[in-house]
């Protein structure tokens, strides 16, 4: 599963962001984490990709998941 290209856009106070990052860590899935509360450029990128301002937004190989949808994430990783 480590050949996946996973990016997660998060904010520090978002419980679903932490659940998603914990899920990736527990399953040895490497990911890049961008804190969109600090990084305006990445916040803009997240909104362009998803049309959403809420977090988490997860990009798995170009497929966008809004929120921590474990089933959708598993399907995209398999």
C-alpha atoms as a PDB file:
ATOM      1  CA  UNK A   1       0.000   0.000   0.000  1.00  0.00           C
ATOM      2  CA  UNK A   2       2.969   2.316   0.272  1.00  0.00           C
ATOM      3  CA  UNK A   3       3.055   3.173  -3.442  1.00  0.00           C
ATOM      4  CA  UNK A   4       0.004   5.395  -2.976  1.00  0.00           C
ATOM      5  CA  UNK A   5       0.214   9.142  -3.381  1.00  0.00           C
ATOM      6  CA  UNK A   6      -1.784  10.420  -0.394  1.00  0.00           C
ATOM      7  CA  UNK A   7      -2.162  14.078   0.564  1.00  0.00           C
ATOM      8  CA  UNK A   8      -4.345  15.266   3.427  1.00  0.00           C
ATOM      9  CA  UNK A   9      -5.397  18.865   4.021  1.00  0.00           C
ATOM     10  CA  UNK A  10      -6.115  19.453   7.706  1.00  0.00           C
ATOM     11  CA  UNK A  11      -6.608  21.953  10.504  1.00  0.00           C
ATOM     12  CA  UNK A  12      -5.300  21.429  14.066  1.00  0.00           C
ATOM     13  CA  UNK A  13      -8.749  21.502  15.711  1.00  0.00           C
ATOM     14  CA  UNK A  14     -10.393  19.016  13.311  1.00  0.00           C
ATOM     15  CA  UNK A  15     -11.178  15.660  15.004  1.00  0.00           C
ATOM     16  CA  UNK A  16     -11.829  13.922  11.664  1.00  0.00           C
ATOM     17  CA  UNK A  17      -8.439  15.085  10.409  1.00  0.00           C
ATOM     18  CA  UNK A  18      -6.780  13.396  13.376  1.00  0.00           C
ATOM     19  CA  UNK A  19      -8.841  10.223  12.841  1.00  0.00           C
ATOM     20  CA  UNK A  20      -7.755  10.117   9.201  1.00  0.00           C
ATOM     21  CA  UNK A  21      -4.067  10.637  10.052  1.00  0.00           C
ATOM     22  CA  UNK A  22      -4.283   7.980  12.793  1.00  0.00           C
ATOM     23  CA  UNK A  23      -5.897   5.588  10.302  1.00  0.00           C
ATOM     24  CA  UNK A  24      -3.068   6.156   7.790  1.00  0.00           C
ATOM     25  CA  UNK A  25      -0.424   5.707  10.509  1.00  0.00           C
ATOM     26  CA  UNK A  26      -2.048   2.511  11.834  1.00  0.00           C
ATOM     27  CA  UNK A  27      -2.130   1.062   8.305  1.00  0.00           C
ATOM     28  CA  UNK A  28       1.422   2.139   7.366  1.00  0.00           C
ATOM     29  CA  UNK A  29       0.164   4.456   4.640  1.00  0.00           C
ATOM     30  CA  UNK A  30       2.578   7.314   4.075  1.00  0.00           C
ATOM     31  CA  UNK A  31       0.969  10.687   3.488  1.00  0.00           C
ATOM     32  CA  UNK A  32       1.752  14.365   3.153  1.00  0.00           C
ATOM     33  CA  UNK A  33      -0.106  16.581   5.625  1.00  0.00           C
ATOM     34  CA  UNK A  34      -0.812  20.250   4.937  1.00  0.00           C
ATOM     35  CA  UNK A  35      -2.198  22.469   7.697  1.00  0.00           C
ATOM     36  CA  UNK A  36      -4.484  24.766   5.727  1.00  0.00           C
ATOM     37  CA  UNK A  37      -4.963  27.075   8.707  1.00  0.00           C
ATOM     38  CA  UNK A  38      -1.273  28.023   8.360  1.00  0.00           C
ATOM     39  CA  UNK A  39      -0.653  27.515   4.640  1.00  0.00           C
ATOM     40  CA  UNK A  40      -2.823  29.795   2.483  1.00  0.00           C
ATOM     41  CA  UNK A  41      -1.431  28.396  -0.771  1.00  0.00           C
ATOM     42  CA  UNK A  42      -2.381  24.838   0.217  1.00  0.00           C
ATOM     43  CA  UNK A  43      -5.791  26.044   1.453  1.00  0.00           C
ATOM     44  CA  UNK A  44      -6.412  27.519  -2.000  1.00  0.00           C
ATOM     45  CA  UNK A  45      -5.226  24.271  -3.618  1.00  0.00           C
ATOM     46  CA  UNK A  46      -7.578  22.246  -1.374  1.00  0.00           C
ATOM     47  CA  UNK A  47     -10.572  24.410  -2.318  1.00  0.00           C
ATOM     48  CA  UNK A  48      -9.698  24.163  -6.028  1.00  0.00           C
ATOM     49  CA  UNK A  49      -9.465  20.356  -5.809  1.00  0.00           C
ATOM     50  CA  UNK A  50     -12.567  19.748  -3.704  1.00  0.00           C
ATOM     51  CA  UNK A  51     -14.795  22.806  -3.892  1.00  0.00           C
ATOM     52  CA  UNK A  52     -14.867  22.561  -0.090  1.00  0.00           C
ATOM     53  CA  UNK A  53     -13.546  24.704   2.728  1.00  0.00           C
ATOM     54  CA  UNK A  54     -14.055  22.026   5.375  1.00  0.00           C
ATOM     55  CA  UNK A  55     -11.381  19.566   6.419  1.00  0.00           C
ATOM     56  CA  UNK A  56     -10.145  16.960   6.017  1.00  0.00           C
ATOM     57  CA  UNK A  57      -9.824  16.815   2.268  1.00  0.00           C
ATOM     58  CA  UNK A  58      -7.871  13.738   1.239  1.00  0.00           C
ATOM     59  CA  UNK A  59      -6.305  13.316  -2.202  1.00  0.00           C
ATOM     60  CA  UNK A  60      -5.499   9.687  -3.042  1.00  0.00           C
ATOM     61  CA  UNK A  61      -3.838   9.380  -6.446  1.00  0.00           C
ATOM     62  CA  UNK A  62      -5.903  12.329  -7.707  1.00  0.00           C
ATOM     63  CA  UNK A  63      -9.221  11.081  -6.291  1.00  0.00           C
ATOM     64  CA  UNK A  64     -10.742  13.450  -3.720  1.00  0.00           C
ATOM     65  CA  UNK A  65     -12.361  12.329  -0.470  1.00  0.00           C
ATOM     66  CA  UNK A  66     -14.058  15.022   1.607  1.00  0.00           C
ATOM     67  CA  UNK A  67     -14.173  14.119   5.283  1.00  0.00           C
ATOM     68  CA  UNK A  68     -12.994  10.899   6.892  1.00  0.00           C
ATOM     69  CA  UNK A  69     -14.878   8.330   4.829  1.00  0.00           C
ATOM     70  CA  UNK A  70     -13.030   5.143   5.776  1.00  0.00           C
ATOM     71  CA  UNK A  71     -14.869   2.936   3.267  1.00  0.00           C
ATOM     72  CA  UNK A  72     -14.140   5.262   0.340  1.00  0.00           C
ATOM     73  CA  UNK A  73     -10.512   5.624   1.459  1.00  0.00           C
ATOM     74  CA  UNK A  74     -10.083   1.836   1.644  1.00  0.00           C
ATOM     75  CA  UNK A  75     -11.601   1.417  -1.832  1.00  0.00           C
ATOM     76  CA  UNK A  76      -9.239   4.000  -3.312  1.00  0.00           C
ATOM     77  CA  UNK A  77      -6.194   2.439  -1.623  1.00  0.00           C
ATOM     78  CA  UNK A  78      -6.954  -1.093  -2.851  1.00  0.00           C
END
